Amino acid sequence: MRSMSRSKMMNRDQMRGRIAEAKGKLKEMVGRIMGNRSTRMQGKVEQVIGKTQASFGDAKEQLRKRP
C-alpha cells in the first residue's frame, strides 16, 4: 500500500468543504423528493458554505505550493 504524497492530499478545509457540499446536495435532493422547501433551501445553503470552505482550502494549498 503506497502512501499519498502531500501534494495529492487535501488539506482539512478542502476535505471539510467538499464533505459539506456533498451533504448539502443530499439534503437538497431529500427536500425535493419530500416536497419540503425548507430542507431543500438548507441543502443549497450548505452547498454554498461547503464550496466556500473548499475554495479557501484550495487557495491555502496554492499559497503553500509557491516557492
PDB file of N, CA and C in Angstrom:
ATOM      1  N   MET A   1       0.841  -1.179   0.000  1.00  0.00           N
ATOM      2  CA  MET A   1       0.000   0.000   0.000  1.00  0.00           C
ATOM      3  C   MET A   1       0.886   1.242   0.000  1.00  0.00           C
ATOM      4  N   ARG A   2       0.711   2.081  -0.989  1.00  0.00           N
ATOM      5  CA  ARG A   2       1.522   3.284  -1.095  1.00  0.00           C
ATOM      6  C   ARG A   2       0.859   4.426  -0.361  1.00  0.00           C
ATOM      7  N   SER A   3       1.686   5.239   0.271  1.00  0.00           N
ATOM      8  CA  SER A   3       1.124   6.416   0.928  1.00  0.00           C
ATOM      9  C   SER A   3       1.055   7.555  -0.083  1.00  0.00           C
ATOM     10  N   MET A   4       0.074   8.404   0.106  1.00  0.00           N
ATOM     11  CA  MET A   4      -0.097   9.532  -0.810  1.00  0.00           C
ATOM     12  C   MET A   4       0.901  10.624  -0.477  1.00  0.00           C
ATOM     13  N   SER A   5       1.434  11.264  -1.512  1.00  0.00           N
ATOM     14  CA  SER A   5       2.329  12.380  -1.267  1.00  0.00           C
ATOM     15  C   SER A   5       1.513  13.573  -0.781  1.00  0.00           C
ATOM     16  N   ARG A   6       2.171  14.493  -0.128  1.00  0.00           N
ATOM     17  CA  ARG A   6       1.498  15.672   0.433  1.00  0.00           C
ATOM     18  C   ARG A   6       0.773  16.469  -0.651  1.00  0.00           C
ATOM     19  N   SER A   7       1.336  16.495  -1.864  1.00  0.00           N
ATOM     20  CA  SER A   7       0.726  17.297  -2.925  1.00  0.00           C
ATOM     21  C   SER A   7      -0.589  16.710  -3.419  1.00  0.00           C
ATOM     22  N   LYS A   8      -0.817  15.420  -3.221  1.00  0.00           N
ATOM     23  CA  LYS A   8      -2.048  14.790  -3.685  1.00  0.00           C
ATOM     24  C   LYS A   8      -3.113  14.737  -2.594  1.00  0.00           C
ATOM     25  N   MET A   9      -2.745  15.058  -1.375  1.00  0.00           N
ATOM     26  CA  MET A   9      -3.698  15.029  -0.268  1.00  0.00           C
ATOM     27  C   MET A   9      -4.450  16.354  -0.199  1.00  0.00           C
ATOM     28  N   MET A  10      -5.668  16.285   0.312  1.00  0.00           N
ATOM     29  CA  MET A  10      -6.443  17.506   0.522  1.00  0.00           C
ATOM     30  C   MET A  10      -6.149  18.031   1.924  1.00  0.00           C
ATOM     31  N   ASN A  11      -6.126  19.345   2.058  1.00  0.00           N
ATOM     32  CA  ASN A  11      -5.981  19.888   3.400  1.00  0.00           C
ATOM     33  C   ASN A  11      -7.340  19.826   4.099  1.00  0.00           C
ATOM     34  N   ARG A  12      -7.344  20.140   5.361  1.00  0.00           N
ATOM     35  CA  ARG A  12      -8.551  19.997   6.181  1.00  0.00           C
ATOM     36  C   ARG A  12      -9.724  20.826   5.645  1.00  0.00           C
ATOM     37  N   ASP A  13      -9.444  22.057   5.217  1.00  0.00           N
ATOM     38  CA  ASP A  13     -10.519  22.909   4.692  1.00  0.00           C
ATOM     39  C   ASP A  13     -11.091  22.353   3.390  1.00  0.00           C
ATOM     40  N   GLN A  14     -10.226  21.841   2.533  1.00  0.00           N
ATOM     41  CA  GLN A  14     -10.706  21.249   1.284  1.00  0.00           C
ATOM     42  C   GLN A  14     -11.611  20.055   1.576  1.00  0.00           C
ATOM     43  N   MET A  15     -11.159  19.191   2.463  1.00  0.00           N
ATOM     44  CA  MET A  15     -11.909  17.978   2.778  1.00  0.00           C
ATOM     45  C   MET A  15     -13.250  18.315   3.442  1.00  0.00           C
ATOM     46  N   ARG A  16     -13.212  19.151   4.456  1.00  0.00           N
ATOM     47  CA  ARG A  16     -14.454  19.509   5.158  1.00  0.00           C
ATOM     48  C   ARG A  16     -15.425  20.239   4.239  1.00  0.00           C
ATOM     49  N   GLY A  17     -14.893  21.092   3.383  1.00  0.00           N
ATOM     50  CA  GLY A  17     -15.742  21.821   2.452  1.00  0.00           C
ATOM     51  C   GLY A  17     -16.423  20.904   1.457  1.00  0.00           C
ATOM     52  N   ARG A  18     -15.679  19.963   0.927  1.00  0.00           N
ATOM     53  CA  ARG A  18     -16.269  19.042  -0.053  1.00  0.00           C
ATOM     54  C   ARG A  18     -17.271  18.095   0.600  1.00  0.00           C
ATOM     55  N   ILE A  19     -17.017  17.723   1.839  1.00  0.00           N
ATOM     56  CA  ILE A  19     -17.984  16.891   2.570  1.00  0.00           C
ATOM     57  C   ILE A  19     -19.264  17.691   2.821  1.00  0.00           C
ATOM     58  N   ALA A  20     -19.118  18.940   3.255  1.00  0.00           N
ATOM     59  CA  ALA A  20     -20.296  19.788   3.499  1.00  0.00           C
ATOM     60  C   ALA A  20     -21.078  20.008   2.209  1.00  0.00           C
ATOM     61  N   GLU A  21     -20.359  20.164   1.113  1.00  0.00           N
ATOM     62  CA  GLU A  21     -21.021  20.350  -0.180  1.00  0.00           C
ATOM     63  C   GLU A  21     -21.824  19.103  -0.562  1.00  0.00           C
ATOM     64  N   ALA A  22     -21.238  17.929  -0.360  1.00  0.00           N
ATOM     65  CA  ALA A  22     -21.939  16.676  -0.673  1.00  0.00           C
ATOM     66  C   ALA A  22     -23.160  16.489   0.225  1.00  0.00           C
ATOM     67  N   LYS A  23     -23.007  16.810   1.516  1.00  0.00           N
ATOM     68  CA  LYS A  23     -24.150  16.709   2.433  1.00  0.00           C
ATOM     69  C   LYS A  23     -25.260  17.663   2.017  1.00  0.00           C
ATOM     70  N   GLY A  24     -24.877  18.844   1.561  1.00  0.00           N
ATOM     71  CA  GLY A  24     -25.860  19.813   1.099  1.00  0.00           C
ATOM     72  C   GLY A  24     -26.612  19.324  -0.129  1.00  0.00           C
ATOM     73  N   LYS A  25     -25.887  18.697  -1.051  1.00  0.00           N
ATOM     74  CA  LYS A  25     -26.541  18.152  -2.246  1.00  0.00           C
ATOM     75  C   LYS A  25     -27.533  17.066  -1.863  1.00  0.00           C
ATOM     76  N   LEU A  26     -27.128  16.217  -0.927  1.00  0.00           N
ATOM     77  CA  LEU A  26     -28.017  15.150  -0.470  1.00  0.00           C
ATOM     78  C   LEU A  26     -29.264  15.734   0.193  1.00  0.00           C
ATOM     79  N   LYS A  27     -29.053  16.735   1.049  1.00  0.00           N
ATOM     80  CA  LYS A  27     -30.185  17.364   1.739  1.00  0.00           C
ATOM     81  C   LYS A  27     -31.121  18.038   0.736  1.00  0.00           C
ATOM     82  N   GLU A  28     -30.539  18.664  -0.285  1.00  0.00           N
ATOM     83  CA  GLU A  28     -31.371  19.300  -1.309  1.00  0.00           C
ATOM     84  C   GLU A  28     -32.214  18.250  -2.042  1.00  0.00           C
ATOM     85  N   MET A  29     -31.604  17.117  -2.390  1.00  0.00           N
ATOM     86  CA  MET A  29     -32.353  16.055  -3.072  1.00  0.00           C
ATOM     87  C   MET A  29     -33.469  15.506  -2.198  1.00  0.00           C
ATOM     88  N   VAL A  30     -33.183  15.307  -0.915  1.00  0.00           N
ATOM     89  CA  VAL A  30     -34.209  14.818   0.008  1.00  0.00           C
ATOM     90  C   VAL A  30     -35.353  15.824   0.081  1.00  0.00           C
ATOM     91  N   GLY A  31     -35.014  17.094   0.153  1.00  0.00           N
ATOM     92  CA  GLY A  31     -36.039  18.133   0.185  1.00  0.00           C
ATOM     93  C   GLY A  31     -36.903  18.133  -1.061  1.00  0.00           C
ATOM     94  N   ARG A  32     -36.276  17.912  -2.208  1.00  0.00           N
ATOM     95  CA  ARG A  32     -37.038  17.844  -3.466  1.00  0.00           C
ATOM     96  C   ARG A  32     -37.986  16.654  -3.459  1.00  0.00           C
ATOM     97  N   ILE A  33     -37.460  15.495  -3.066  1.00  0.00           N
ATOM     98  CA  ILE A  33     -38.268  14.270  -3.055  1.00  0.00           C
ATOM     99  C   ILE A  33     -39.437  14.398  -2.084  1.00  0.00           C
ATOM    100  N   MET A  34     -39.165  14.958  -0.906  1.00  0.00           N
ATOM    101  CA  MET A  34     -40.192  15.078   0.127  1.00  0.00           C
ATOM    102  C   MET A  34     -41.124  16.272  -0.105  1.00  0.00           C
ATOM    103  N   GLY A  35     -40.745  17.136  -1.038  1.00  0.00           N
ATOM    104  CA  GLY A  35     -41.555  18.328  -1.272  1.00  0.00           C
ATOM    105  C   GLY A  35     -41.419  19.345  -0.155  1.00  0.00           C
ATOM    106  N   ASN A  36     -40.267  19.315   0.538  1.00  0.00           N
ATOM    107  CA  ASN A  36     -40.027  20.198   1.671  1.00  0.00           C
ATOM    108  C   ASN A  36     -39.085  21.322   1.237  1.00  0.00           C
ATOM    109  N   ARG A  37     -39.648  22.488   1.028  1.00  0.00           N
ATOM    110  CA  ARG A  37     -38.867  23.629   0.533  1.00  0.00           C
ATOM    111  C   ARG A  37     -37.776  24.049   1.519  1.00  0.00           C
ATOM    112  N   SER A  38     -38.073  24.005   2.803  1.00  0.00           N
ATOM    113  CA  SER A  38     -37.112  24.410   3.827  1.00  0.00           C
ATOM    114  C   SER A  38     -35.865  23.522   3.794  1.00  0.00           C
ATOM    115  N   THR A  39     -36.061  22.220   3.718  1.00  0.00           N
ATOM    116  CA  THR A  39     -34.928  21.289   3.666  1.00  0.00           C
ATOM    117  C   THR A  39     -34.128  21.505   2.388  1.00  0.00           C
ATOM    118  N   ARG A  40     -34.826  21.727   1.285  1.00  0.00           N
ATOM    119  CA  ARG A  40     -34.156  21.973   0.009  1.00  0.00           C
ATOM    120  C   ARG A  40     -33.286  23.225   0.090  1.00  0.00           C
ATOM    121  N   MET A  41     -33.806  24.287   0.687  1.00  0.00           N
ATOM    122  CA  MET A  41     -33.050  25.533   0.814  1.00  0.00           C
ATOM    123  C   MET A  41     -31.863  25.368   1.768  1.00  0.00           C
ATOM    124  N   GLN A  42     -32.058  24.623   2.854  1.00  0.00           N
ATOM    125  CA  GLN A  42     -30.950  24.355   3.772  1.00  0.00           C
ATOM    126  C   GLN A  42     -29.830  23.626   3.039  1.00  0.00           C
ATOM    127  N   GLY A  43     -30.204  22.697   2.175  1.00  0.00           N
ATOM    128  CA  GLY A  43     -29.213  21.976   1.376  1.00  0.00           C
ATOM    129  C   GLY A  43     -28.435  22.904   0.468  1.00  0.00           C
ATOM    130  N   LYS A  44     -29.130  23.839  -0.155  1.00  0.00           N
ATOM    131  CA  LYS A  44     -28.456  24.799  -1.030  1.00  0.00           C
ATOM    132  C   LYS A  44     -27.481  25.672  -0.238  1.00  0.00           C
ATOM    133  N   VAL A  45     -27.902  26.092   0.956  1.00  0.00           N
ATOM    134  CA  VAL A  45     -27.030  26.910   1.805  1.00  0.00           C
ATOM    135  C   VAL A  45     -25.787  26.113   2.201  1.00  0.00           C
ATOM    136  N   GLU A  46     -25.971  24.851   2.584  1.00  0.00           N
ATOM    137  CA  GLU A  46     -24.833  24.010   2.957  1.00  0.00           C
ATOM    138  C   GLU A  46     -23.876  23.823   1.786  1.00  0.00           C
ATOM    139  N   GLN A  47     -24.417  23.734   0.577  1.00  0.00           N
ATOM    140  CA  GLN A  47     -23.557  23.606  -0.598  1.00  0.00           C
ATOM    141  C   GLN A  47     -22.691  24.848  -0.783  1.00  0.00           C
ATOM    142  N   VAL A  48     -23.288  26.012  -0.618  1.00  0.00           N
ATOM    143  CA  VAL A  48     -22.541  27.266  -0.772  1.00  0.00           C
ATOM    144  C   VAL A  48     -21.455  27.362   0.295  1.00  0.00           C
ATOM    145  N   ILE A  49     -21.800  27.020   1.526  1.00  0.00           N
ATOM    146  CA  ILE A  49     -20.814  27.047   2.610  1.00  0.00           C
ATOM    147  C   ILE A  49     -19.683  26.071   2.309  1.00  0.00           C
ATOM    148  N   GLY A  50     -20.034  24.880   1.853  1.00  0.00           N
ATOM    149  CA  GLY A  50     -19.027  23.876   1.522  1.00  0.00           C
ATOM    150  C   GLY A  50     -18.117  24.323   0.393  1.00  0.00           C
ATOM    151  N   LYS A  51     -18.702  24.900  -0.654  1.00  0.00           N
ATOM    152  CA  LYS A  51     -17.896  25.385  -1.776  1.00  0.00           C
ATOM    153  C   LYS A  51     -16.949  26.484  -1.323  1.00  0.00           C
ATOM    154  N   THR A  52     -17.444  27.363  -0.458  1.00  0.00           N
ATOM    155  CA  THR A  52     -16.616  28.455   0.048  1.00  0.00           C
ATOM    156  C   THR A  52     -15.446  27.917   0.860  1.00  0.00           C
ATOM    157  N   GLN A  53     -15.720  26.966   1.735  1.00  0.00           N
ATOM    158  CA  GLN A  53     -14.656  26.396   2.559  1.00  0.00           C
ATOM    159  C   GLN A  53     -13.650  25.636   1.695  1.00  0.00           C
ATOM    160  N   ALA A  54     -14.126  24.884   0.713  1.00  0.00           N
ATOM    161  CA  ALA A  54     -13.223  24.151  -0.175  1.00  0.00           C
ATOM    162  C   ALA A  54     -12.365  25.120  -0.989  1.00  0.00           C
ATOM    163  N   SER A  55     -12.956  26.209  -1.443  1.00  0.00           N
ATOM    164  CA  SER A  55     -12.202  27.216  -2.199  1.00  0.00           C
ATOM    165  C   SER A  55     -11.130  27.857  -1.330  1.00  0.00           C
ATOM    166  N   PHE A  56     -11.464  28.108  -0.067  1.00  0.00           N
ATOM    167  CA  PHE A  56     -10.480  28.640   0.875  1.00  0.00           C
ATOM    168  C   PHE A  56      -9.323  27.651   1.023  1.00  0.00           C
ATOM    169  N   GLY A  57      -9.653  26.374   1.145  1.00  0.00           N
ATOM    170  CA  GLY A  57      -8.618  25.344   1.242  1.00  0.00           C
ATOM    171  C   GLY A  57      -7.777  25.262  -0.018  1.00  0.00           C
ATOM    172  N   ASP A  58      -8.411  25.411  -1.180  1.00  0.00           N
ATOM    173  CA  ASP A  58      -7.673  25.406  -2.447  1.00  0.00           C
ATOM    174  C   ASP A  58      -6.686  26.570  -2.493  1.00  0.00           C
ATOM    175  N   ALA A  59      -7.139  27.741  -2.048  1.00  0.00           N
ATOM    176  CA  ALA A  59      -6.270  28.922  -2.040  1.00  0.00           C
ATOM    177  C   ALA A  59      -5.097  28.725  -1.083  1.00  0.00           C
ATOM    178  N   LYS A  60      -5.364  28.154   0.084  1.00  0.00           N
ATOM    179  CA  LYS A  60      -4.283  27.879   1.037  1.00  0.00           C
ATOM    180  C   LYS A  60      -3.260  26.934   0.426  1.00  0.00           C
ATOM    181  N   GLU A  61      -3.747  25.932  -0.289  1.00  0.00           N
ATOM    182  CA  GLU A  61      -2.858  24.953  -0.915  1.00  0.00           C
ATOM    183  C   GLU A  61      -2.003  25.610  -1.995  1.00  0.00           C
ATOM    184  N   GLN A  62      -2.598  26.508  -2.771  1.00  0.00           N
ATOM    185  CA  GLN A  62      -1.841  27.218  -3.803  1.00  0.00           C
ATOM    186  C   GLN A  62      -0.738  28.073  -3.175  1.00  0.00           C
ATOM    187  N   LEU A  63      -1.057  28.736  -2.071  1.00  0.00           N
ATOM    188  CA  LEU A  63      -0.044  29.544  -1.386  1.00  0.00           C
ATOM    189  C   LEU A  63       1.060  28.667  -0.806  1.00  0.00           C
ATOM    190  N   ARG A  64       0.697  27.503  -0.318  1.00  0.00           N
ATOM    191  CA  ARG A  64       1.684  26.593   0.253  1.00  0.00           C
ATOM    192  C   ARG A  64       2.649  26.091  -0.818  1.00  0.00           C
ATOM    193  N   LYS A  65       2.165  25.922  -2.040  1.00  0.00           N
ATOM    194  CA  LYS A  65       2.985  25.393  -3.128  1.00  0.00           C
ATOM    195  C   LYS A  65       3.907  26.437  -3.744  1.00  0.00           C
ATOM    196  N   ARG A  66       3.658  27.711  -3.443  1.00  0.00           N
ATOM    197  CA  ARG A  66       4.501  28.770  -4.011  1.00  0.00           C
ATOM    198  C   ARG A  66       5.928  28.637  -3.508  1.00  0.00           C
ATOM    199  N   PRO A  67       6.900  28.924  -4.392  1.00  0.00           N
ATOM    200  CA  PRO A  67       8.320  28.853  -3.968  1.00  0.00           C
ATOM    201  C   PRO A  67       8.717  29.964  -3.035  1.00  0.00           C
TER     202      PRO A  67
END
